[in-house]
């Protein structure tokens, strides 16, 4: 009986994680990062809206800044570069959620 209860709890936790990931993924689709440079030449970044997860917002900015450093020279190129990295960023969030649930 306790094994069945444990399995039920595990399934409920997995369903909640999947639901959370779907919500975060939907938010992530609509987020863009804007990178520019300050007077000293340092990169600055902002996101169009928050994903609700400050670490993910920071990771998006770090990714966008790297895209610019690697040669993305206009908004379309930066957005394409960031979009290519979004699945990996979402996987990192999924891993963190699973670790938190354990």
C-alpha atoms as a PDB file:
ATOM      1  CA  UNK A   1       0.000   0.000   0.000  1.00  0.00           C
ATOM      2  CA  UNK A   2       2.798   2.462   0.849  1.00  0.00           C
ATOM      3  CA  UNK A   3       4.446   1.755  -2.517  1.00  0.00           C
ATOM      4  CA  UNK A   4       1.206   2.732  -4.238  1.00  0.00           C
ATOM      5  CA  UNK A   5       1.040   5.928  -2.194  1.00  0.00           C
ATOM      6  CA  UNK A   6       4.652   6.752  -3.038  1.00  0.00           C
ATOM      7  CA  UNK A   7       3.963   6.151  -6.727  1.00  0.00           C
ATOM      8  CA  UNK A   8       0.894   8.396  -6.577  1.00  0.00           C
ATOM      9  CA  UNK A   9       2.901  11.175  -4.923  1.00  0.00           C
ATOM     10  CA  UNK A  10       5.666  10.792  -7.477  1.00  0.00           C
ATOM     11  CA  UNK A  11       3.175  11.020 -10.341  1.00  0.00           C
ATOM     12  CA  UNK A  12       1.512  14.101  -8.814  1.00  0.00           C
ATOM     13  CA  UNK A  13       4.898  15.777  -8.400  1.00  0.00           C
ATOM     14  CA  UNK A  14       5.835  14.986 -11.998  1.00  0.00           C
ATOM     15  CA  UNK A  15       2.512  16.387 -13.233  1.00  0.00           C
ATOM     16  CA  UNK A  16       3.042  19.608 -11.247  1.00  0.00           C
ATOM     17  CA  UNK A  17       6.587  19.942 -12.657  1.00  0.00           C
ATOM     18  CA  UNK A  18       5.282  19.436 -16.190  1.00  0.00           C
ATOM     19  CA  UNK A  19       2.605  22.062 -15.607  1.00  0.00           C
ATOM     20  CA  UNK A  20       5.191  24.519 -14.262  1.00  0.00           C
ATOM     21  CA  UNK A  21       7.469  23.893 -17.243  1.00  0.00           C
ATOM     22  CA  UNK A  22       4.614  24.466 -19.683  1.00  0.00           C
ATOM     23  CA  UNK A  23       3.792  27.816 -18.059  1.00  0.00           C
ATOM     24  CA  UNK A  24       7.451  28.872 -18.036  1.00  0.00           C
ATOM     25  CA  UNK A  25       7.898  27.739 -21.651  1.00  0.00           C
ATOM     26  CA  UNK A  26       4.888  29.804 -22.707  1.00  0.00           C
ATOM     27  CA  UNK A  27       6.272  32.875 -20.947  1.00  0.00           C
ATOM     28  CA  UNK A  28       9.708  32.267 -22.437  1.00  0.00           C
ATOM     29  CA  UNK A  29       8.301  32.297 -25.975  1.00  0.00           C
ATOM     30  CA  UNK A  30       7.247  35.917 -25.603  1.00  0.00           C
ATOM     31  CA  UNK A  31      10.434  37.229 -24.011  1.00  0.00           C
ATOM     32  CA  UNK A  32      13.122  39.005 -25.981  1.00  0.00           C
ATOM     33  CA  UNK A  33      16.420  40.348 -24.732  1.00  0.00           C
ATOM     34  CA  UNK A  34      17.837  43.714 -25.780  1.00  0.00           C
ATOM     35  CA  UNK A  35      21.587  44.264 -25.575  1.00  0.00           C
ATOM     36  CA  UNK A  36      23.413  47.558 -25.874  1.00  0.00           C
ATOM     37  CA  UNK A  37      26.601  49.119 -24.554  1.00  0.00           C
ATOM     38  CA  UNK A  38      27.074  51.780 -21.932  1.00  0.00           C
ATOM     39  CA  UNK A  39      29.469  54.732 -22.215  1.00  0.00           C
ATOM     40  CA  UNK A  40      32.347  52.522 -21.118  1.00  0.00           C
ATOM     41  CA  UNK A  41      31.625  49.863 -23.725  1.00  0.00           C
ATOM     42  CA  UNK A  42      30.186  47.351 -21.264  1.00  0.00           C
ATOM     43  CA  UNK A  43      27.225  45.279 -22.357  1.00  0.00           C
ATOM     44  CA  UNK A  44      23.853  46.037 -20.789  1.00  0.00           C
ATOM     45  CA  UNK A  45      20.842  43.837 -21.219  1.00  0.00           C
ATOM     46  CA  UNK A  46      17.172  43.956 -20.431  1.00  0.00           C
ATOM     47  CA  UNK A  47      14.320  41.590 -21.122  1.00  0.00           C
ATOM     48  CA  UNK A  48      11.034  42.658 -22.693  1.00  0.00           C
ATOM     49  CA  UNK A  49       9.178  41.056 -19.786  1.00  0.00           C
ATOM     50  CA  UNK A  50      10.124  38.779 -16.959  1.00  0.00           C
ATOM     51  CA  UNK A  51       9.715  35.043 -17.209  1.00  0.00           C
ATOM     52  CA  UNK A  52       8.901  35.068 -13.518  1.00  0.00           C
ATOM     53  CA  UNK A  53      12.234  33.468 -12.739  1.00  0.00           C
ATOM     54  CA  UNK A  54      15.032  35.986 -12.139  1.00  0.00           C
ATOM     55  CA  UNK A  55      17.730  33.384 -12.838  1.00  0.00           C
ATOM     56  CA  UNK A  56      16.178  32.571 -16.196  1.00  0.00           C
ATOM     57  CA  UNK A  57      15.951  36.285 -17.039  1.00  0.00           C
ATOM     58  CA  UNK A  58      19.643  36.620 -16.181  1.00  0.00           C
ATOM     59  CA  UNK A  59      20.494  33.568 -18.282  1.00  0.00           C
ATOM     60  CA  UNK A  60      18.619  35.091 -21.235  1.00  0.00           C
ATOM     61  CA  UNK A  61      20.639  38.288 -20.903  1.00  0.00           C
ATOM     62  CA  UNK A  62      23.888  36.370 -20.593  1.00  0.00           C
ATOM     63  CA  UNK A  63      22.966  34.396 -23.701  1.00  0.00           C
ATOM     64  CA  UNK A  64      22.019  37.529 -25.648  1.00  0.00           C
ATOM     65  CA  UNK A  65      25.266  39.239 -24.661  1.00  0.00           C
ATOM     66  CA  UNK A  66      27.237  36.199 -25.808  1.00  0.00           C
ATOM     67  CA  UNK A  67      25.368  36.241 -29.111  1.00  0.00           C
ATOM     68  CA  UNK A  68      26.401  39.868 -29.646  1.00  0.00           C
ATOM     69  CA  UNK A  69      30.009  39.112 -28.720  1.00  0.00           C
ATOM     70  CA  UNK A  70      29.946  36.207 -31.181  1.00  0.00           C
ATOM     71  CA  UNK A  71      28.855  38.486 -34.015  1.00  0.00           C
ATOM     72  CA  UNK A  72      25.063  38.903 -33.963  1.00  0.00           C
ATOM     73  CA  UNK A  73      24.868  42.474 -35.202  1.00  0.00           C
ATOM     74  CA  UNK A  74      21.160  43.280 -35.382  1.00  0.00           C
ATOM     75  CA  UNK A  75      17.997  42.532 -33.424  1.00  0.00           C
ATOM     76  CA  UNK A  76      16.906  39.713 -35.748  1.00  0.00           C
ATOM     77  CA  UNK A  77      20.279  37.972 -35.440  1.00  0.00           C
ATOM     78  CA  UNK A  78      20.301  38.321 -31.643  1.00  0.00           C
ATOM     79  CA  UNK A  79      16.716  37.040 -31.386  1.00  0.00           C
ATOM     80  CA  UNK A  80      17.518  34.044 -33.615  1.00  0.00           C
ATOM     81  CA  UNK A  81      20.619  33.259 -31.582  1.00  0.00           C
ATOM     82  CA  UNK A  82      18.708  33.484 -28.283  1.00  0.00           C
ATOM     83  CA  UNK A  83      15.790  31.454 -29.677  1.00  0.00           C
ATOM     84  CA  UNK A  84      18.203  28.659 -30.577  1.00  0.00           C
ATOM     85  CA  UNK A  85      19.376  28.559 -26.948  1.00  0.00           C
ATOM     86  CA  UNK A  86      15.926  28.743 -25.290  1.00  0.00           C
ATOM     87  CA  UNK A  87      15.323  24.947 -25.299  1.00  0.00           C
ATOM     88  CA  UNK A  88      18.578  24.390 -23.384  1.00  0.00           C
ATOM     89  CA  UNK A  89      17.672  27.150 -20.931  1.00  0.00           C
ATOM     90  CA  UNK A  90      14.291  25.505 -20.392  1.00  0.00           C
ATOM     91  CA  UNK A  91      16.013  22.151 -19.800  1.00  0.00           C
ATOM     92  CA  UNK A  92      18.128  23.813 -17.111  1.00  0.00           C
ATOM     93  CA  UNK A  93      14.970  25.113 -15.429  1.00  0.00           C
ATOM     94  CA  UNK A  94      13.418  21.650 -15.615  1.00  0.00           C
ATOM     95  CA  UNK A  95      16.510  20.154 -13.954  1.00  0.00           C
ATOM     96  CA  UNK A  96      16.371  22.758 -11.192  1.00  0.00           C
ATOM     97  CA  UNK A  97      12.672  22.106 -10.573  1.00  0.00           C
ATOM     98  CA  UNK A  98      13.270  18.361 -10.345  1.00  0.00           C
ATOM     99  CA  UNK A  99      16.167  18.891  -7.935  1.00  0.00           C
ATOM    100  CA  UNK A 100      13.985  21.114  -5.754  1.00  0.00           C
ATOM    101  CA  UNK A 101      11.212  18.504  -5.698  1.00  0.00           C
ATOM    102  CA  UNK A 102      13.600  15.743  -4.563  1.00  0.00           C
END
